[in-house]
Protein backbone atom coordinates (compact mmCIF):
# COMPACT_ATOMS: atom_id res chain seq x y z
CA MET A 1 117.84 42.03 95.66
CA THR A 2 118.43 40.58 99.25
CA GLU A 3 115.20 41.77 100.50
CA GLN A 4 113.64 40.26 97.56
CA ALA A 5 115.28 36.96 98.18
CA LYS A 6 114.33 36.87 101.84
CA THR A 7 110.55 37.62 100.71
CA ALA A 8 110.86 34.60 98.25
CA ILE A 9 112.17 32.34 100.77
CA ARG A 10 109.59 33.23 103.40
CA ARG A 11 106.85 33.01 100.59
CA ARG A 12 108.29 29.48 99.48
CA ILE A 13 108.14 28.20 103.01
CA VAL A 14 104.25 29.53 103.40
CA GLY A 15 103.45 28.22 99.99
CA SER A 16 104.92 24.77 100.40
CA ILE A 17 102.58 24.40 103.84
CA VAL A 18 99.62 26.19 102.35
CA SER A 19 99.31 24.77 98.89
CA ASN A 20 100.03 21.16 99.88
CA THR A 21 97.45 21.23 102.82
CA ASP A 22 94.27 19.52 102.00
CA SER A 23 91.34 21.61 103.00
CA ASN A 24 89.62 18.77 104.94
CA MET A 25 92.84 18.11 107.04
CA SER A 26 93.06 18.76 110.54
CA GLY A 27 94.62 22.30 110.94
CA ALA A 28 94.00 23.28 107.56
CA ARG A 29 92.73 26.67 109.02
CA ASP A 30 96.16 27.31 110.78
CA ALA A 31 97.82 26.88 107.41
CA GLN A 32 95.48 29.01 105.59
CA CYS A 33 96.06 31.93 108.14
CA LEU A 34 99.96 31.86 107.85
CA GLY A 35 101.46 34.77 106.25
CA ASP A 36 105.00 35.90 105.16
CA GLU A 37 105.16 37.83 108.20
CA ASP A 38 105.03 34.75 110.55
CA VAL A 39 108.20 33.40 109.22
CA PHE A 40 111.46 34.75 110.55
CA LEU A 41 114.81 33.93 108.79
CA PHE A 42 118.27 32.99 110.77
CA PRO A 43 121.58 32.20 109.82
CA ASN A 44 121.32 28.66 110.65
CA GLY A 45 118.83 26.30 112.37
CA MET A 46 120.55 26.15 115.68
CA ASN A 47 120.36 30.25 115.80
CA ALA A 48 116.64 29.93 115.09
CA ILE A 49 116.15 27.51 118.20
CA PHE A 50 118.47 29.58 120.24
CA HIS A 51 116.34 32.72 119.69
CA VAL A 52 113.04 31.05 119.90
CA HIS A 53 114.23 29.86 123.25
CA ARG A 54 115.02 33.29 124.28
CA THR A 55 111.78 34.67 123.17
CA LEU A 56 109.95 32.07 125.21
CA LEU A 57 111.87 33.11 128.34
CA HIS A 58 111.01 36.76 127.78
CA ALA A 59 107.60 36.04 127.11
CA PHE A 60 106.68 33.70 129.94
CA GLY A 61 109.64 34.03 132.48
CA ARG A 62 112.27 31.79 133.64
CA HIS A 63 110.90 28.24 133.63
CA GLU A 64 112.30 25.03 132.73
CA SER A 65 111.76 23.42 129.30
CA ILE A 66 110.94 20.09 128.08
CA SER A 67 113.11 18.03 125.59
CA TYR A 68 110.83 15.17 124.52
CA GLY A 69 112.42 12.48 122.35
CA PHE A 70 116.10 11.94 121.49
CA PRO A 71 117.17 15.23 120.06
CA TYR A 72 119.88 16.46 117.94
CA VAL A 73 122.66 17.09 120.43
CA ASP A 74 122.82 21.08 120.36
CA THR A 75 118.93 21.33 120.92
CA LEU A 76 119.64 19.60 124.15
CA LYS A 77 122.49 21.66 125.11
CA ILE A 78 120.83 24.79 124.40
CA LEU A 79 117.87 24.16 126.63
CA GLN A 80 120.22 22.96 129.45
CA LYS A 81 122.93 25.70 129.52
CA PHE A 82 120.97 28.98 128.32
CA GLY A 83 118.25 29.16 130.96
CA PRO A 84 117.07 27.54 134.05
CA GLY A 85 117.41 24.07 132.81
CA CYS A 86 115.63 21.17 131.02
CA LEU A 87 113.68 18.06 131.72
CA PHE A 88 114.63 15.63 129.45
CA PHE A 89 112.47 12.56 128.20
CA GLY A 90 114.82 10.92 125.78
CA ARG A 91 112.80 8.09 124.93
CA GLY A 92 109.69 9.89 123.63
CA SER A 93 107.19 7.17 124.64
CA SER A 94 103.81 7.33 125.83
CA ASP A 95 105.08 6.35 129.04
CA GLU A 96 107.03 9.47 129.49
CA LEU A 97 104.17 11.55 128.31
CA ASP A 98 102.24 9.82 131.40
CA ASP A 99 105.03 10.75 133.79
CA LEU A 100 104.92 14.34 132.32
CA GLU A 101 101.13 14.63 132.91
CA ILE A 102 101.73 13.51 136.51
CA LEU A 103 104.21 16.40 137.23
CA LEU A 104 101.79 18.73 135.40
CA GLN A 105 99.02 17.67 137.84
CA SER A 106 101.14 18.15 140.62
CA GLY A 107 101.53 21.97 139.81
CA ARG A 108 104.96 22.04 138.06
CA ARG A 109 104.99 24.59 135.48
CA TYR A 110 107.26 24.57 132.29
CA LEU A 111 108.24 27.00 129.54
CA ALA A 112 107.72 24.83 126.63
CA LEU A 113 108.26 21.29 125.15
CA PHE A 114 110.66 21.00 122.43
CA CYS A 115 110.79 17.90 120.04
CA GLU A 116 111.69 16.94 116.51
CA PHE A 117 109.47 15.35 113.64
CA PRO A 118 110.77 12.75 113.24
CA GLY A 119 113.60 12.39 115.79
CA ASN A 120 117.51 12.23 114.88
CA PRO A 121 118.67 9.64 114.44
CA LEU A 122 116.21 7.05 115.55
CA LEU A 123 113.36 8.83 113.24
CA THR A 124 110.57 8.20 115.78
CA CYS A 125 107.67 10.46 115.92
CA PRO A 126 106.26 12.01 118.95
CA ASP A 127 102.51 12.04 119.90
CA LEU A 128 101.78 15.66 118.79
CA ARG A 129 98.10 15.62 119.39
CA ARG A 130 98.58 14.32 122.96
CA ILE A 131 101.37 16.73 123.50
CA ARG A 132 99.23 19.76 122.13
CA LYS A 133 96.25 18.84 124.55
CA LEU A 134 98.67 18.93 127.70
CA ALA A 135 99.96 22.05 126.44
CA ASP A 136 96.57 23.64 126.14
CA GLU A 137 95.55 22.33 129.27
CA TYR A 138 98.66 23.28 131.45
CA ASP A 139 99.79 26.49 129.36
CA PHE A 140 103.13 25.85 127.82
CA ALA A 141 104.28 26.21 124.44
CA VAL A 142 105.18 23.57 121.86
CA VAL A 143 108.17 23.93 119.65
CA VAL A 144 108.64 21.54 116.85
CA ASP A 145 111.57 20.91 114.64
CA GLU A 146 110.78 19.57 111.45
CA THR A 147 114.02 19.61 109.67
CA ILE A 148 113.74 15.88 108.70
CA GLY A 149 110.25 15.77 108.23
CA THR A 150 110.32 18.84 105.91
CA PHE A 151 107.64 21.23 104.86
CA ALA A 152 107.02 19.21 101.77
CA ASN A 153 106.12 16.15 103.67
CA VAL A 154 104.60 17.10 106.94
CA ASN A 155 102.39 20.06 108.33
CA VAL A 156 103.01 20.16 112.21
CA LEU A 157 101.90 23.72 112.42
CA PRO A 158 98.39 22.79 113.82
CA MET A 159 100.15 21.07 116.66
CA ALA A 160 102.77 23.80 117.34
CA ASP A 161 103.12 27.33 118.60
CA ILE A 162 106.55 27.58 116.86
CA VAL A 163 107.93 25.43 114.19
CA VAL A 164 111.60 25.59 113.49
CA SER A 165 113.59 24.26 110.72
CA SER A 166 117.39 24.09 109.46
CA LEU A 167 117.14 25.49 105.85
CA SER A 168 120.77 24.27 105.54
CA LYS A 169 119.56 20.72 104.94
CA ILE A 170 117.17 19.64 102.19
CA PHE A 171 115.41 23.17 101.68
CA SER A 172 118.94 23.98 100.21
CA GLY A 173 120.33 20.73 99.23
CA ASP A 174 123.67 22.16 97.55
CA SER A 175 125.61 22.07 100.91
CA ASN A 176 127.16 25.51 100.25
CA VAL A 177 124.99 27.63 102.41
CA MET A 178 123.40 27.50 105.84
CA GLY A 179 120.19 29.11 107.04
CA GLY A 180 117.39 28.56 109.52
CA SER A 181 113.71 29.43 109.94
CA ALA A 182 110.96 29.80 112.73
CA ILE A 183 107.17 29.94 111.90
CA PHE A 184 104.95 31.39 114.24
CA ASN A 185 101.44 29.84 114.44
CA PRO A 186 99.08 32.67 113.82
CA CYS A 187 96.09 30.56 115.53
CA SER A 188 98.12 29.92 118.77
CA LYS A 189 96.67 31.29 121.71
CA HIS A 190 100.37 32.92 122.08
CA TYR A 191 100.69 34.12 118.91
CA LEU A 192 100.33 37.76 119.22
CA LEU A 193 102.83 38.04 122.65
CA LEU A 194 105.23 35.81 121.01
CA GLN A 195 105.47 37.54 117.58
CA ARG A 196 105.70 40.84 119.53
CA VAL A 197 108.67 39.76 121.65
CA MET A 198 110.51 38.01 118.83
CA LYS A 199 110.02 41.32 116.54
CA GLU A 200 110.47 43.69 119.50
CA GLU A 201 112.92 42.42 121.83
CA ILE A 202 114.77 39.48 120.19
CA TYR A 203 115.12 39.32 116.57
CA GLU A 204 117.89 40.74 114.65
CA ASP A 205 118.40 40.14 110.91
CA ALA A 206 121.83 38.79 110.82
CA TYR A 207 121.48 36.63 107.95
CA TRP A 208 124.19 37.38 105.53
CA ASN A 209 123.31 38.81 102.22
CA GLU A 210 125.05 36.35 100.00
CA ASP A 211 123.86 33.61 102.07
CA VAL A 212 120.34 34.47 101.30
CA ILE A 213 120.71 34.78 97.98
CA PHE A 214 122.43 31.39 97.39
CA MET A 215 119.55 29.88 99.74
CA GLU A 216 116.87 31.28 97.41
CA ARG A 217 118.34 30.04 94.50
CA ASN A 218 118.96 26.37 95.78
CA SER A 219 115.40 26.28 96.93
CA ARG A 220 113.72 26.70 93.86
CA ASP A 221 113.25 23.29 93.08
CA PHE A 222 112.72 21.92 96.77
CA LEU A 223 109.67 20.26 96.31
CA GLY A 224 110.67 18.34 93.19
CA ARG A 225 113.71 17.34 95.00
CA VAL A 226 112.04 15.92 98.27
CA GLU A 227 109.70 13.98 96.16
CA ARG A 228 112.74 12.06 94.39
CA ILE A 229 114.38 11.74 97.61
CA ASN A 230 111.27 10.21 99.23
CA ALA A 231 111.28 7.61 96.45
CA ASN A 232 115.19 6.85 96.69
CA ALA A 233 114.94 6.38 100.41
CA GLU A 234 112.28 3.92 100.35
CA ALA A 235 113.91 1.89 97.70
CA ILE A 236 117.16 1.78 99.53
CA CYS A 237 115.08 0.64 102.78
CA GLN A 238 114.01 -2.33 100.74
CA VAL A 239 117.36 -3.37 99.94
CA LEU A 240 118.44 -3.05 103.56
CA ARG A 241 115.22 -4.97 105.07
CA GLN A 242 116.16 -7.83 102.91
CA SER A 243 119.57 -8.51 104.30
CA SER A 244 120.01 -10.79 107.40
CA MET A 245 122.50 -8.64 108.62
CA VAL A 246 120.42 -5.64 109.54
CA LYS A 247 119.39 -5.93 113.22
CA SER A 248 117.42 -2.92 113.35
CA LEU A 249 116.18 -0.33 110.62
CA TYR A 250 114.79 3.11 111.57
CA TYR A 251 112.47 5.06 109.06
CA PRO A 252 109.16 6.76 109.43
CA LEU A 253 107.36 4.35 107.18
CA PHE A 254 108.49 1.31 109.26
CA ASN A 255 108.72 2.48 112.74
CA ALA A 256 106.00 1.75 115.28
CA SER A 257 105.42 5.68 115.54
CA LYS A 258 104.29 5.54 111.68
CA HIS A 259 100.68 6.54 112.55
CA TYR A 260 101.99 9.60 114.44
CA TYR A 261 103.64 10.58 111.39
CA ASP A 262 100.80 9.76 109.03
CA GLU A 263 98.33 12.32 111.21
CA CYS A 264 100.70 15.12 110.03
CA ARG A 265 101.80 13.85 106.64
CA LEU A 266 100.61 15.85 103.49
CA PRO A 267 98.44 14.51 100.99
CA HIS A 268 101.48 13.86 98.47
CA GLY A 269 104.11 13.80 101.11
CA GLY A 270 106.46 10.92 101.57
CA TYR A 271 108.50 9.83 104.60
CA GLY A 272 111.82 11.82 103.93
CA GLY A 273 115.20 10.79 103.31
CA LEU A 274 117.06 9.89 106.35
CA ILE A 275 117.47 6.24 107.33
CA SER A 276 119.40 4.71 110.43
CA VAL A 277 120.47 1.14 110.36
CA VAL A 278 122.15 -1.07 113.15
CA PHE A 279 124.09 -4.08 112.09
CA CYS A 280 123.95 -7.32 113.87
CA TYR A 281 127.86 -7.18 114.60
CA ARG A 282 130.11 -4.20 114.82
CA LYS A 283 132.36 -5.69 111.89
CA GLN A 284 129.47 -5.93 109.58
CA ALA A 285 128.82 -1.97 110.24
CA GLN A 286 132.59 -1.37 109.84
CA ALA A 287 133.01 -3.29 106.28
CA PHE A 288 129.41 -1.79 105.15
CA PHE A 289 130.67 1.87 105.82
CA ASN A 290 133.87 1.17 104.43
CA ASN A 291 132.70 -0.31 101.24
CA ILE A 292 129.67 1.80 100.57
CA ASN A 293 131.04 4.20 97.58
CA ILE A 294 129.16 7.33 98.59
CA ALA A 295 130.10 10.62 100.31
CA LYS A 296 130.96 10.22 104.10
CA GLY A 297 130.13 13.17 106.33
CA PRO A 298 128.02 14.14 109.32
CA SER A 299 125.52 16.32 107.66
CA LEU A 300 122.08 15.34 106.14
CA GLY A 301 119.53 16.68 103.75
CA THR A 302 122.24 16.77 100.93
CA ASN A 303 121.38 16.27 97.23
CA PHE A 304 123.99 13.60 97.06
CA THR A 305 123.69 10.40 99.29
CA LEU A 306 125.68 10.75 102.24
CA CYS A 307 126.64 8.20 105.01
CA SER A 308 127.95 8.76 108.77
CA PRO A 309 128.89 6.76 111.97
CA TYR A 310 126.56 9.30 113.49
CA VAL A 311 126.53 8.17 117.15
CA LEU A 312 130.15 8.15 117.23
CA LEU A 313 130.53 11.74 115.79
CA ALA A 314 127.78 13.23 117.84
CA HIS A 315 127.91 11.52 121.19
CA TYR A 316 131.57 10.24 121.12
CA HIS A 317 131.88 11.48 124.98
CA GLU A 318 128.52 10.11 125.84
CA LEU A 319 128.16 6.87 124.22
CA ALA A 320 126.84 4.99 127.13
CA TRP A 321 124.23 7.82 127.97
CA ALA A 322 123.10 7.77 124.35
CA ALA A 323 122.82 3.90 124.86
CA GLU A 324 120.44 4.26 127.61
CA TYR A 325 117.72 5.78 125.25
CA GLY A 326 118.33 3.06 122.41
CA VAL A 327 120.96 4.90 120.60
CA HIS A 328 123.48 2.47 119.39
CA LYS A 329 127.01 3.42 119.18
CA ASP A 330 127.61 1.55 115.93
CA LEU A 331 124.51 3.10 114.21
CA VAL A 332 125.10 4.06 110.64
CA ARG A 333 122.94 7.10 109.31
CA ILE A 334 122.09 7.63 105.61
CA SER A 335 121.01 10.65 104.01
CA VAL A 336 119.57 9.80 100.73
CA GLY A 337 120.26 12.01 97.67
CA LEU A 338 118.79 12.69 94.08
CA GLU A 339 121.00 9.94 92.29
CA GLN A 340 119.05 7.30 90.29
CA ALA A 341 117.28 4.62 92.33
CA GLU A 342 118.80 1.70 90.41
CA ASP A 343 122.46 3.04 90.77
CA LEU A 344 121.98 3.71 94.56
CA LYS A 345 120.63 0.02 95.05
CA LEU A 346 123.59 -1.50 93.51
CA LEU A 347 125.84 0.64 95.53
CA PHE A 348 124.20 -0.48 98.65
CA GLN A 349 123.96 -4.32 97.51
CA ASN A 350 127.65 -4.11 97.00
CA ALA A 351 128.49 -2.73 100.19
CA LEU A 352 126.17 -5.46 102.05
CA SER A 353 127.98 -8.05 99.92
CA GLU A 354 131.28 -7.02 101.18
CA ALA A 355 129.95 -6.77 104.97
CA GLU A 356 128.88 -10.51 104.80
CA LYS A 357 132.55 -11.63 104.11
CA VAL A 358 133.55 -10.61 107.49
């Protein structure tokens, strides 16, 4: 039963990419070549990233990695602590890609570039086409974490050698099980080597049986849930964008990097369920957070709407460092759920009304 559930999860991941990729899209060949054997399952998303990093080190030797864009905190720590180190480009800007290209031209060699699509918490998207071009020219791997974008909205496989994801988030949705995945691109020039090293030297199936069964059950309606969450998130964005108290709103649809997102967006894909907002004043952020009548917590991708003071929770001891990369300490992160859109809009309007009183 457990093996059947694992196969179902792998096929669900492959199917969401293959069936939703237009044959005329760039990289459609990569998707059509994808098989169940190219998907590795892990107990959680960080475990997937850790083992992908180990695979790359075993395959290519001990070289520095690149972390491009402001990442989830544990990803950067893995690259910094478990290996020869990491070169950090925390803004994810074109200027930083220029700087990277200069280093590559000077002869510096790197193991791999790790990035998120989109990033957390600013929801900006990297220029994957340019990154892919640099990787092909200077021979390093590209690892893309698409947890926030999700298989249902974007296909980043053509630009990556390996795609990682936390299945604990929207793929599950029910917040009662964890899981992670790594997809190896069968069209990558490194495919045979990386898949062999992962299978023969690195991979150990440590995914707990009951967790697998729950993950398979939870993810059966994954695509339909993502579609509803996409619509709800856009509705919430419209409410927030109308408020004069909102200084900055971060969402892939409205960010300056939207065109990079759209290059990978599936024909029926949306812009995801994660929103970050910065208010003009801290007291407004505090009043909004205290009065928004939804669940409060640090996760994302839940079937219910969830709100957190993300930067305070994730970077409390490094707030000044995070601010250097445009990540404001008073940022409020919202993971939009499956509630009725009108009900959500009313909750957010009420919280904004309370914030206006301070």
